[in-house]
Amino acid sequence: MEDEYNPDIVSVVDEEGKEHIFEELDRIETDDGRYVALLPLYDDKKQILEDDGELIILRVIEEKGETYLEPIEDEDEFEEIGQIFEERLSDIFEFEDETEE
């Protein structure tokens, strides 16, 4: 029997109450915290075509038994965690350098 692909789907409600659906591609834990790499999922074909394909990298926070995802505000921390995810996911995705010419 072939291995079936069953993605981990994550539903996130933003500060304005709007729900966003993502596929969780990877998660890591470092001395600084826990992090997830997400890819947006869309129902609308137009949104799929307009998506830039960037990974969403967020910090996982636990408060009072609830799990929250928040942006990584520190630029150095974001670069470090982003690099780890790029290395781990490089066999699945092609990453472009964002350096300006």
N, C-alpha and C. Protein backbone atom coordinates (compact mmCIF):
# COMPACT_ATOMS: atom_id res chain seq x y z
N MET A 1 0.84 -1.19 0.00
CA MET A 1 0.00 0.00 0.00
C MET A 1 0.88 1.25 0.00
N GLU A 2 0.51 2.21 -0.80
CA GLU A 2 1.29 3.45 -0.89
C GLU A 2 1.06 4.31 0.34
N ASP A 3 2.11 5.06 0.70
CA ASP A 3 1.96 6.01 1.80
C ASP A 3 1.03 7.12 1.36
N GLU A 4 0.06 7.43 2.20
CA GLU A 4 -0.86 8.52 1.90
C GLU A 4 -0.32 9.80 2.50
N TYR A 5 -0.51 10.89 1.76
CA TYR A 5 -0.08 12.20 2.24
C TYR A 5 -1.24 12.82 3.00
N ASN A 6 -1.05 13.07 4.27
CA ASN A 6 -2.06 13.71 5.11
C ASN A 6 -1.45 14.96 5.73
N PRO A 7 -1.68 16.11 5.11
CA PRO A 7 -1.07 17.33 5.63
C PRO A 7 -1.67 17.74 6.97
N ASP A 8 -0.84 18.41 7.77
CA ASP A 8 -1.31 18.99 9.02
C ASP A 8 -1.90 20.36 8.69
N ILE A 9 -3.18 20.51 8.87
CA ILE A 9 -3.87 21.75 8.57
C ILE A 9 -4.06 22.55 9.86
N VAL A 10 -3.73 23.84 9.79
CA VAL A 10 -3.81 24.73 10.94
C VAL A 10 -4.75 25.87 10.60
N SER A 11 -5.69 26.13 11.49
CA SER A 11 -6.60 27.26 11.34
C SER A 11 -6.17 28.35 12.31
N VAL A 12 -5.94 29.55 11.79
CA VAL A 12 -5.49 30.67 12.63
C VAL A 12 -6.50 31.80 12.48
N VAL A 13 -6.94 32.34 13.61
CA VAL A 13 -7.84 33.48 13.60
C VAL A 13 -7.02 34.71 13.96
N ASP A 14 -7.04 35.71 13.06
CA ASP A 14 -6.23 36.91 13.29
C ASP A 14 -6.93 37.86 14.27
N GLU A 15 -6.28 38.99 14.53
CA GLU A 15 -6.79 39.96 15.51
C GLU A 15 -8.15 40.54 15.11
N GLU A 16 -8.46 40.49 13.82
CA GLU A 16 -9.73 41.03 13.33
C GLU A 16 -10.82 39.96 13.26
N GLY A 17 -10.51 38.74 13.71
CA GLY A 17 -11.48 37.66 13.71
C GLY A 17 -11.58 36.89 12.41
N LYS A 18 -10.69 37.17 11.46
CA LYS A 18 -10.72 36.48 10.16
C LYS A 18 -9.91 35.19 10.26
N GLU A 19 -10.48 34.10 9.75
CA GLU A 19 -9.82 32.80 9.79
C GLU A 19 -8.92 32.62 8.56
N HIS A 20 -7.71 32.10 8.80
CA HIS A 20 -6.76 31.79 7.74
C HIS A 20 -6.38 30.31 7.89
N ILE A 21 -6.29 29.61 6.77
CA ILE A 21 -5.98 28.19 6.78
C ILE A 21 -4.57 27.98 6.21
N PHE A 22 -3.77 27.18 6.91
CA PHE A 22 -2.40 26.91 6.51
C PHE A 22 -2.11 25.42 6.57
N GLU A 23 -1.12 25.01 5.80
CA GLU A 23 -0.55 23.69 5.96
C GLU A 23 0.73 23.85 6.77
N GLU A 24 0.85 23.09 7.84
CA GLU A 24 2.06 23.13 8.65
C GLU A 24 3.10 22.24 7.98
N LEU A 25 4.19 22.85 7.53
CA LEU A 25 5.23 22.12 6.83
C LEU A 25 6.28 21.55 7.76
N ASP A 26 6.58 22.27 8.83
CA ASP A 26 7.63 21.84 9.74
C ASP A 26 7.48 22.58 11.05
N ARG A 27 8.08 22.02 12.09
CA ARG A 27 8.14 22.69 13.38
C ARG A 27 9.48 22.37 14.01
N ILE A 28 10.00 23.33 14.74
CA ILE A 28 11.28 23.13 15.42
C ILE A 28 11.20 23.71 16.83
N GLU A 29 12.09 23.23 17.67
CA GLU A 29 12.23 23.78 19.01
C GLU A 29 13.71 24.08 19.23
N THR A 30 14.00 25.31 19.67
CA THR A 30 15.36 25.71 19.97
C THR A 30 15.42 26.14 21.43
N ASP A 31 16.59 26.57 21.86
CA ASP A 31 16.72 27.09 23.23
C ASP A 31 15.88 28.35 23.42
N ASP A 32 15.60 29.07 22.31
CA ASP A 32 14.85 30.31 22.38
C ASP A 32 13.34 30.13 22.31
N GLY A 33 12.87 28.98 21.81
CA GLY A 33 11.43 28.78 21.73
C GLY A 33 11.04 27.74 20.69
N ARG A 34 9.72 27.68 20.45
CA ARG A 34 9.16 26.77 19.44
C ARG A 34 8.66 27.59 18.27
N TYR A 35 8.81 27.01 17.06
CA TYR A 35 8.46 27.73 15.83
C TYR A 35 7.81 26.79 14.84
N VAL A 36 6.97 27.36 13.95
CA VAL A 36 6.35 26.59 12.88
C VAL A 36 6.57 27.30 11.55
N ALA A 37 6.65 26.48 10.50
CA ALA A 37 6.69 27.00 9.13
C ALA A 37 5.37 26.60 8.47
N LEU A 38 4.65 27.60 8.00
CA LEU A 38 3.32 27.38 7.43
C LEU A 38 3.27 27.84 5.98
N LEU A 39 2.37 27.22 5.22
CA LEU A 39 2.12 27.60 3.84
C LEU A 39 0.62 27.86 3.72
N PRO A 40 0.22 29.06 3.24
CA PRO A 40 -1.20 29.36 3.13
C PRO A 40 -1.92 28.41 2.18
N LEU A 41 -3.14 28.06 2.54
CA LEU A 41 -4.01 27.26 1.68
C LEU A 41 -5.20 28.12 1.28
N TYR A 42 -5.63 27.99 0.04
CA TYR A 42 -6.73 28.81 -0.47
C TYR A 42 -7.78 27.93 -1.14
N ASP A 43 -9.03 28.37 -1.04
CA ASP A 43 -10.13 27.72 -1.76
C ASP A 43 -10.28 28.34 -3.15
N ASP A 44 -9.98 29.62 -3.25
CA ASP A 44 -10.16 30.38 -4.48
C ASP A 44 -8.94 30.23 -5.39
N LYS A 45 -9.17 29.79 -6.62
CA LYS A 45 -8.07 29.58 -7.57
C LYS A 45 -7.31 30.88 -7.86
N LYS A 46 -8.00 32.00 -7.86
CA LYS A 46 -7.34 33.28 -8.11
C LYS A 46 -6.34 33.60 -7.00
N GLN A 47 -6.71 33.32 -5.76
CA GLN A 47 -5.80 33.56 -4.64
C GLN A 47 -4.56 32.67 -4.75
N ILE A 48 -4.74 31.44 -5.21
CA ILE A 48 -3.60 30.52 -5.38
C ILE A 48 -2.62 31.11 -6.38
N LEU A 49 -3.12 31.64 -7.48
CA LEU A 49 -2.25 32.20 -8.51
C LEU A 49 -1.56 33.48 -8.04
N GLU A 50 -2.21 34.25 -7.19
CA GLU A 50 -1.66 35.51 -6.72
C GLU A 50 -0.68 35.33 -5.55
N ASP A 51 -0.68 34.16 -4.91
CA ASP A 51 0.18 33.93 -3.75
C ASP A 51 1.64 33.94 -4.17
N ASP A 52 2.51 34.55 -3.35
CA ASP A 52 3.93 34.63 -3.67
C ASP A 52 4.71 33.40 -3.25
N GLY A 53 4.06 32.45 -2.58
CA GLY A 53 4.70 31.20 -2.22
C GLY A 53 5.66 31.28 -1.05
N GLU A 54 5.64 32.36 -0.31
CA GLU A 54 6.55 32.50 0.83
C GLU A 54 6.06 31.70 2.02
N LEU A 55 7.01 31.13 2.74
CA LEU A 55 6.67 30.46 3.99
C LEU A 55 6.31 31.50 5.04
N ILE A 56 5.38 31.14 5.89
CA ILE A 56 5.04 31.96 7.04
C ILE A 56 5.71 31.30 8.24
N ILE A 57 6.59 32.03 8.90
CA ILE A 57 7.31 31.49 10.05
C ILE A 57 6.86 32.24 11.30
N LEU A 58 6.33 31.48 12.26
CA LEU A 58 5.78 32.07 13.46
C LEU A 58 6.31 31.38 14.71
N ARG A 59 6.29 32.10 15.81
CA ARG A 59 6.67 31.56 17.12
C ARG A 59 5.41 30.98 17.76
N VAL A 60 5.56 29.85 18.45
CA VAL A 60 4.46 29.20 19.17
C VAL A 60 4.54 29.62 20.63
N ILE A 61 3.44 30.15 21.14
CA ILE A 61 3.36 30.62 22.52
C ILE A 61 2.24 29.85 23.23
N GLU A 62 2.51 29.40 24.45
CA GLU A 62 1.50 28.75 25.29
C GLU A 62 1.16 29.70 26.43
N GLU A 63 -0.13 30.00 26.58
CA GLU A 63 -0.60 30.85 27.68
C GLU A 63 -1.89 30.29 28.23
N LYS A 64 -1.89 29.99 29.51
CA LYS A 64 -3.10 29.52 30.21
C LYS A 64 -3.75 28.34 29.48
N GLY A 65 -2.92 27.41 29.00
CA GLY A 65 -3.43 26.23 28.33
C GLY A 65 -3.83 26.43 26.88
N GLU A 66 -3.71 27.63 26.37
CA GLU A 66 -4.04 27.93 24.98
C GLU A 66 -2.77 28.09 24.16
N THR A 67 -2.81 27.71 22.89
CA THR A 67 -1.67 27.86 22.00
C THR A 67 -1.93 29.02 21.05
N TYR A 68 -0.93 29.90 20.95
CA TYR A 68 -1.02 31.06 20.07
C TYR A 68 0.19 31.08 19.14
N LEU A 69 0.01 31.66 17.98
CA LEU A 69 1.10 31.88 17.04
C LEU A 69 1.30 33.37 16.91
N GLU A 70 2.57 33.80 16.96
CA GLU A 70 2.85 35.22 16.85
C GLU A 70 4.04 35.45 15.93
N PRO A 71 4.09 36.61 15.30
CA PRO A 71 5.24 36.93 14.43
C PRO A 71 6.51 37.04 15.25
N ILE A 72 7.63 36.79 14.61
CA ILE A 72 8.94 36.95 15.24
C ILE A 72 9.38 38.38 14.97
N GLU A 73 9.42 39.20 15.99
CA GLU A 73 9.73 40.61 15.84
C GLU A 73 11.22 40.89 15.67
N ASP A 74 12.07 40.12 16.35
CA ASP A 74 13.51 40.33 16.30
C ASP A 74 14.06 39.84 14.96
N GLU A 75 14.69 40.74 14.20
CA GLU A 75 15.18 40.43 12.86
C GLU A 75 16.24 39.33 12.87
N ASP A 76 17.17 39.38 13.83
CA ASP A 76 18.22 38.36 13.91
C ASP A 76 17.63 36.99 14.22
N GLU A 77 16.69 36.96 15.14
CA GLU A 77 16.02 35.69 15.49
C GLU A 77 15.27 35.15 14.27
N PHE A 78 14.56 36.03 13.55
CA PHE A 78 13.82 35.61 12.37
C PHE A 78 14.76 35.03 11.31
N GLU A 79 15.88 35.69 11.08
CA GLU A 79 16.86 35.21 10.09
C GLU A 79 17.40 33.84 10.49
N GLU A 80 17.73 33.67 11.77
CA GLU A 80 18.27 32.40 12.26
C GLU A 80 17.25 31.27 12.08
N ILE A 81 16.01 31.50 12.49
CA ILE A 81 14.98 30.47 12.41
C ILE A 81 14.62 30.21 10.94
N GLY A 82 14.56 31.27 10.15
CA GLY A 82 14.28 31.11 8.72
C GLY A 82 15.33 30.25 8.03
N GLN A 83 16.58 30.45 8.38
CA GLN A 83 17.68 29.67 7.81
C GLN A 83 17.55 28.19 8.18
N ILE A 84 17.17 27.92 9.41
CA ILE A 84 16.99 26.53 9.85
C ILE A 84 15.88 25.86 9.03
N PHE A 85 14.75 26.57 8.87
CA PHE A 85 13.66 25.99 8.08
C PHE A 85 14.07 25.80 6.62
N GLU A 86 14.79 26.77 6.05
CA GLU A 86 15.24 26.63 4.66
C GLU A 86 16.09 25.39 4.48
N GLU A 87 17.02 25.15 5.40
CA GLU A 87 17.87 23.96 5.32
C GLU A 87 17.04 22.68 5.43
N ARG A 88 16.09 22.66 6.36
CA ARG A 88 15.28 21.48 6.59
C ARG A 88 14.32 21.20 5.43
N LEU A 89 13.85 22.25 4.76
CA LEU A 89 12.85 22.09 3.71
C LEU A 89 13.42 22.20 2.30
N SER A 90 14.75 22.29 2.19
CA SER A 90 15.36 22.53 0.88
C SER A 90 15.16 21.39 -0.12
N ASP A 91 14.91 20.18 0.35
CA ASP A 91 14.66 19.08 -0.58
C ASP A 91 13.25 19.12 -1.16
N ILE A 92 12.36 19.92 -0.55
CA ILE A 92 10.98 20.04 -1.02
C ILE A 92 10.77 21.33 -1.82
N PHE A 93 11.41 22.42 -1.40
CA PHE A 93 11.19 23.74 -1.98
C PHE A 93 12.48 24.34 -2.50
N GLU A 94 12.34 25.21 -3.49
CA GLU A 94 13.45 26.02 -3.95
C GLU A 94 13.30 27.39 -3.31
N PHE A 95 14.35 27.86 -2.66
CA PHE A 95 14.33 29.16 -2.02
C PHE A 95 15.16 30.14 -2.82
N GLU A 96 14.65 31.35 -2.96
CA GLU A 96 15.35 32.40 -3.68
C GLU A 96 16.02 33.33 -2.67
N ASP A 97 17.22 33.81 -3.05
CA ASP A 97 17.87 34.83 -2.23
C ASP A 97 17.10 36.12 -2.42
N GLU A 98 16.87 36.84 -1.33
CA GLU A 98 16.15 38.09 -1.40
C GLU A 98 17.08 39.29 -1.46
N THR A 99 18.34 39.05 -1.79
CA THR A 99 19.28 40.16 -1.89
C THR A 99 19.00 40.94 -3.16
N GLU A 100 19.09 42.25 -3.03
CA GLU A 100 18.83 43.12 -4.17
C GLU A 100 20.07 43.20 -5.04
N GLU A 101 19.83 43.30 -6.35
CA GLU A 101 20.95 43.41 -7.29
C GLU A 101 21.39 44.83 -7.46
